[in-house]
Amino acid sequence: MRRLKTTRVVLGVLVGLCCASCDPSYQMRPVGWPPAPDGKWAKDVGGFTVRAERISGLIGETWLYLNFEIEGNKLPVKLESARLQAQSGVYEGKLDKRCQVVAAGEQHGRLCVSWAFDQNHTVPKVMGERSVIILTLQVGTDSRPLQVEYERYGD
């Protein structure tokens, strides 16, 4: 019986240590965008709606991949560039060619962009408490910026 108690205590300590050694997480949300029922945030940007997801992950992550959904567009929407402006610097995003253009009238089309950092510049360190992502969109033949400010929450 005593051996069973010792085994349980050792097992409990090991489980506790494993849980404590996990990276904590972080979350960021768009500032001033109303929440949508699906857990994303949506904003009418004149002629169509953009739905943004939260930024979240483990604090040790060194990459960031974002999807911006486009809805209700009567003209094609192309992602020309993406720039992350943070207190730690300005970072150009890498566009994903597989989801760079949303055709006119396409239901739930998406625009995708990513950033890669190094071990000394994890996503939460780069982003800080607030950061801005500036997307340059070509809507039809017009080019226009879309600024999405993100803030940390729920830590």
C-alpha atoms as a PDB file:
ATOM      1  CA  MET A   1       0.000   0.000   0.000  1.00  0.00           C
ATOM      2  CA  ARG A   2       2.823   2.353   0.866  1.00  0.00           C
ATOM      3  CA  ARG A   3       4.511   1.639  -2.478  1.00  0.00           C
ATOM      4  CA  LEU A   4       1.259   2.631  -4.286  1.00  0.00           C
ATOM      5  CA  LYS A   5       1.130   5.969  -2.405  1.00  0.00           C
ATOM      6  CA  THR A   6       4.766   6.691  -3.268  1.00  0.00           C
ATOM      7  CA  THR A   7       4.122   5.884  -6.916  1.00  0.00           C
ATOM      8  CA  ARG A   8       1.138   8.264  -6.970  1.00  0.00           C
ATOM      9  CA  VAL A   9       3.138  11.060  -5.354  1.00  0.00           C
ATOM     10  CA  VAL A  10       6.038  10.630  -7.792  1.00  0.00           C
ATOM     11  CA  LEU A  11       3.621  10.498 -10.727  1.00  0.00           C
ATOM     12  CA  GLY A  12       1.854  13.647  -9.478  1.00  0.00           C
ATOM     13  CA  VAL A  13       5.153  15.509  -9.162  1.00  0.00           C
ATOM     14  CA  LEU A  14       6.221  14.454 -12.678  1.00  0.00           C
ATOM     15  CA  VAL A  15       2.903  15.582 -14.189  1.00  0.00           C
ATOM     16  CA  GLY A  16       3.186  18.897 -12.344  1.00  0.00           C
ATOM     17  CA  LEU A  17       6.722  19.463 -13.591  1.00  0.00           C
ATOM     18  CA  CYS A  18       5.736  18.663 -17.178  1.00  0.00           C
ATOM     19  CA  CYS A  19       2.847  21.121 -17.060  1.00  0.00           C
ATOM     20  CA  ALA A  20       4.971  23.822 -15.463  1.00  0.00           C
ATOM     21  CA  SER A  21       7.689  23.484 -18.107  1.00  0.00           C
ATOM     22  CA  CYS A  22       5.346  24.301 -21.010  1.00  0.00           C
ATOM     23  CA  ASP A  23       5.653  27.669 -22.691  1.00  0.00           C
ATOM     24  CA  PRO A  24       2.914  30.054 -21.654  1.00  0.00           C
ATOM     25  CA  SER A  25       0.836  31.462 -24.471  1.00  0.00           C
ATOM     26  CA  TYR A  26       0.009  34.941 -25.737  1.00  0.00           C
ATOM     27  CA  GLN A  27      -2.982  36.405 -27.572  1.00  0.00           C
ATOM     28  CA  MET A  28      -3.515  39.588 -29.584  1.00  0.00           C
ATOM     29  CA  ARG A  29      -6.693  40.978 -31.125  1.00  0.00           C
ATOM     30  CA  PRO A  30      -7.507  43.739 -33.610  1.00  0.00           C
ATOM     31  CA  VAL A  31      -8.164  47.087 -31.915  1.00  0.00           C
ATOM     32  CA  GLY A  32     -11.491  48.752 -32.713  1.00  0.00           C
ATOM     33  CA  TRP A  33     -12.855  45.856 -34.790  1.00  0.00           C
ATOM     34  CA  PRO A  34     -16.153  44.380 -33.582  1.00  0.00           C
ATOM     35  CA  PRO A  35     -16.024  40.685 -32.681  1.00  0.00           C
ATOM     36  CA  ALA A  36     -17.793  38.281 -35.045  1.00  0.00           C
ATOM     37  CA  PRO A  37     -19.756  35.229 -33.849  1.00  0.00           C
ATOM     38  CA  ASP A  38     -17.047  32.816 -35.088  1.00  0.00           C
ATOM     39  CA  GLY A  39     -14.375  34.239 -32.762  1.00  0.00           C
ATOM     40  CA  LYS A  40     -12.808  36.455 -35.418  1.00  0.00           C
ATOM     41  CA  TRP A  41     -13.144  40.207 -35.861  1.00  0.00           C
ATOM     42  CA  ALA A  42     -14.850  41.844 -38.843  1.00  0.00           C
ATOM     43  CA  LYS A  43     -14.647  45.315 -40.343  1.00  0.00           C
ATOM     44  CA  ASP A  44     -16.324  46.924 -43.348  1.00  0.00           C
ATOM     45  CA  VAL A  45     -13.573  48.619 -45.320  1.00  0.00           C
ATOM     46  CA  GLY A  46     -15.689  50.202 -48.044  1.00  0.00           C
ATOM     47  CA  GLY A  47     -17.031  47.808 -50.623  1.00  0.00           C
ATOM     48  CA  PHE A  48     -16.271  44.588 -48.741  1.00  0.00           C
ATOM     49  CA  THR A  49     -15.664  43.113 -45.303  1.00  0.00           C
ATOM     50  CA  VAL A  50     -12.344  41.917 -43.903  1.00  0.00           C
ATOM     51  CA  ARG A  51     -12.338  39.296 -41.176  1.00  0.00           C
ATOM     52  CA  ALA A  52      -9.208  39.093 -39.048  1.00  0.00           C
ATOM     53  CA  GLU A  53      -8.201  36.296 -36.735  1.00  0.00           C
ATOM     54  CA  ARG A  54      -6.504  36.695 -33.405  1.00  0.00           C
ATOM     55  CA  ILE A  55      -2.767  36.283 -33.182  1.00  0.00           C
ATOM     56  CA  SER A  56      -1.916  33.600 -30.653  1.00  0.00           C
ATOM     57  CA  GLY A  57       0.663  30.994 -29.853  1.00  0.00           C
ATOM     58  CA  LEU A  58       3.393  30.015 -27.449  1.00  0.00           C
ATOM     59  CA  ILE A  59       5.737  32.722 -26.229  1.00  0.00           C
ATOM     60  CA  GLY A  60       8.765  30.970 -27.761  1.00  0.00           C
ATOM     61  CA  GLU A  61       7.414  30.929 -31.330  1.00  0.00           C
ATOM     62  CA  THR A  62       9.525  32.593 -33.986  1.00  0.00           C
ATOM     63  CA  TRP A  63       7.038  32.625 -36.876  1.00  0.00           C
ATOM     64  CA  LEU A  64       3.689  34.235 -37.540  1.00  0.00           C
ATOM     65  CA  TYR A  65       1.180  33.223 -40.244  1.00  0.00           C
ATOM     66  CA  LEU A  66      -2.030  35.218 -40.713  1.00  0.00           C
ATOM     67  CA  ASN A  67      -5.167  34.826 -42.818  1.00  0.00           C
ATOM     68  CA  PHE A  68      -7.425  37.749 -43.639  1.00  0.00           C
ATOM     69  CA  GLU A  69     -10.793  36.664 -45.052  1.00  0.00           C
ATOM     70  CA  ILE A  70     -12.467  38.826 -47.688  1.00  0.00           C
ATOM     71  CA  GLU A  71     -16.253  38.809 -48.043  1.00  0.00           C
ATOM     72  CA  GLY A  72     -18.715  40.684 -50.235  1.00  0.00           C
ATOM     73  CA  ASN A  73     -16.159  42.065 -52.686  1.00  0.00           C
ATOM     74  CA  LYS A  74     -17.521  43.031 -56.094  1.00  0.00           C
ATOM     75  CA  LEU A  75     -13.980  43.631 -57.412  1.00  0.00           C
ATOM     76  CA  PRO A  76     -10.917  41.387 -57.197  1.00  0.00           C
ATOM     77  CA  VAL A  77      -8.738  42.005 -54.136  1.00  0.00           C
ATOM     78  CA  LYS A  78      -5.008  41.321 -54.305  1.00  0.00           C
ATOM     79  CA  LEU A  79      -2.528  41.489 -51.438  1.00  0.00           C
ATOM     80  CA  GLU A  80       0.390  43.558 -52.788  1.00  0.00           C
ATOM     81  CA  SER A  81       2.435  43.827 -49.596  1.00  0.00           C
ATOM     82  CA  ALA A  82       2.286  43.450 -45.820  1.00  0.00           C
ATOM     83  CA  ARG A  83       4.364  45.265 -43.247  1.00  0.00           C
ATOM     84  CA  LEU A  84       4.527  44.755 -39.488  1.00  0.00           C
ATOM     85  CA  GLN A  85       5.300  47.935 -37.563  1.00  0.00           C
ATOM     86  CA  ALA A  86       6.304  47.210 -33.991  1.00  0.00           C
ATOM     87  CA  GLN A  87       8.194  49.021 -31.285  1.00  0.00           C
ATOM     88  CA  SER A  88      11.129  46.709 -32.052  1.00  0.00           C
ATOM     89  CA  GLY A  89      11.227  47.593 -35.763  1.00  0.00           C
ATOM     90  CA  VAL A  90       9.558  47.269 -39.156  1.00  0.00           C
ATOM     91  CA  TYR A  91       9.300  43.834 -40.779  1.00  0.00           C
ATOM     92  CA  GLU A  92       8.209  43.031 -44.321  1.00  0.00           C
ATOM     93  CA  GLY A  93       5.837  40.086 -44.611  1.00  0.00           C
ATOM     94  CA  LYS A  94       6.220  37.170 -46.990  1.00  0.00           C
ATOM     95  CA  LEU A  95       3.139  36.785 -49.177  1.00  0.00           C
ATOM     96  CA  ASP A  96       1.731  33.307 -49.711  1.00  0.00           C
ATOM     97  CA  LYS A  97       1.150  32.979 -53.471  1.00  0.00           C
ATOM     98  CA  ARG A  98      -1.548  30.344 -52.863  1.00  0.00           C
ATOM     99  CA  CYS A  99      -3.811  32.933 -51.253  1.00  0.00           C
ATOM    100  CA  GLN A 100      -2.742  36.312 -52.588  1.00  0.00           C
ATOM    101  CA  VAL A 101      -5.807  37.119 -54.757  1.00  0.00           C
ATOM    102  CA  VAL A 102      -9.524  36.931 -53.964  1.00  0.00           C
ATOM    103  CA  ALA A 103     -11.663  36.898 -57.114  1.00  0.00           C
ATOM    104  CA  ALA A 104     -14.651  39.227 -57.382  1.00  0.00           C
ATOM    105  CA  GLY A 105     -17.602  37.686 -55.563  1.00  0.00           C
ATOM    106  CA  GLU A 106     -15.587  34.766 -54.157  1.00  0.00           C
ATOM    107  CA  GLN A 107     -17.145  33.510 -50.924  1.00  0.00           C
ATOM    108  CA  HIS A 108     -14.709  33.484 -47.996  1.00  0.00           C
ATOM    109  CA  GLY A 109     -11.585  34.165 -50.023  1.00  0.00           C
ATOM    110  CA  ARG A 110      -8.458  34.760 -48.001  1.00  0.00           C
ATOM    111  CA  LEU A 111      -5.210  36.666 -48.131  1.00  0.00           C
ATOM    112  CA  CYS A 112      -2.230  35.120 -46.334  1.00  0.00           C
ATOM    113  CA  VAL A 113       1.054  36.509 -45.076  1.00  0.00           C
ATOM    114  CA  SER A 114       3.845  35.287 -42.806  1.00  0.00           C
ATOM    115  CA  TRP A 115       6.860  36.533 -40.902  1.00  0.00           C
ATOM    116  CA  ALA A 116       9.854  34.557 -39.633  1.00  0.00           C
ATOM    117  CA  PHE A 117      12.074  35.756 -36.787  1.00  0.00           C
ATOM    118  CA  ASP A 118      14.991  34.222 -34.891  1.00  0.00           C
ATOM    119  CA  GLN A 119      15.270  32.756 -31.371  1.00  0.00           C
ATOM    120  CA  ASN A 120      16.200  36.153 -29.925  1.00  0.00           C
ATOM    121  CA  HIS A 121      13.190  37.811 -31.543  1.00  0.00           C
ATOM    122  CA  THR A 122      10.149  35.707 -30.729  1.00  0.00           C
ATOM    123  CA  VAL A 123       6.726  36.826 -31.929  1.00  0.00           C
ATOM    124  CA  PRO A 124       5.593  38.212 -28.537  1.00  0.00           C
ATOM    125  CA  LYS A 125       8.874  40.130 -28.123  1.00  0.00           C
ATOM    126  CA  VAL A 126       8.616  41.578 -31.629  1.00  0.00           C
ATOM    127  CA  MET A 127       4.908  42.430 -31.328  1.00  0.00           C
ATOM    128  CA  GLY A 128       5.105  43.860 -27.804  1.00  0.00           C
ATOM    129  CA  GLU A 129       1.860  45.081 -26.264  1.00  0.00           C
ATOM    130  CA  ARG A 130       0.666  46.750 -29.497  1.00  0.00           C
ATOM    131  CA  SER A 131       1.683  46.468 -33.123  1.00  0.00           C
ATOM    132  CA  VAL A 132       0.281  47.471 -36.488  1.00  0.00           C
ATOM    133  CA  ILE A 133       0.049  45.362 -39.627  1.00  0.00           C
ATOM    134  CA  ILE A 134      -0.334  47.394 -42.812  1.00  0.00           C
ATOM    135  CA  LEU A 135      -1.698  45.508 -45.788  1.00  0.00           C
ATOM    136  CA  THR A 136      -1.488  47.132 -49.203  1.00  0.00           C
ATOM    137  CA  LEU A 137      -4.472  45.912 -51.189  1.00  0.00           C
ATOM    138  CA  GLN A 138      -5.180  46.294 -54.867  1.00  0.00           C
ATOM    139  CA  VAL A 139      -8.960  46.535 -55.186  1.00  0.00           C
ATOM    140  CA  GLY A 140      -9.827  46.404 -58.859  1.00  0.00           C
ATOM    141  CA  THR A 141      -7.246  48.827 -60.264  1.00  0.00           C
ATOM    142  CA  ASP A 142      -6.914  50.971 -57.118  1.00  0.00           C
ATOM    143  CA  SER A 143      -4.273  50.461 -54.456  1.00  0.00           C
ATOM    144  CA  ARG A 144      -5.193  51.166 -50.833  1.00  0.00           C
ATOM    145  CA  PRO A 145      -3.687  50.493 -47.421  1.00  0.00           C
ATOM    146  CA  LEU A 146      -5.508  48.631 -44.661  1.00  0.00           C
ATOM    147  CA  GLN A 147      -4.114  49.182 -41.197  1.00  0.00           C
ATOM    148  CA  VAL A 148      -4.840  46.569 -38.511  1.00  0.00           C
ATOM    149  CA  GLU A 149      -3.651  47.444 -35.023  1.00  0.00           C
ATOM    150  CA  TYR A 150      -3.295  44.504 -32.630  1.00  0.00           C
ATOM    151  CA  GLU A 151      -3.165  44.573 -28.811  1.00  0.00           C
ATOM    152  CA  ARG A 152      -2.325  41.892 -26.278  1.00  0.00           C
ATOM    153  CA  TYR A 153      -5.116  40.546 -24.115  1.00  0.00           C
ATOM    154  CA  GLY A 154      -5.985  37.682 -21.821  1.00  0.00           C
ATOM    155  CA  ASP A 155      -2.510  37.081 -20.388  1.00  0.00           C
END
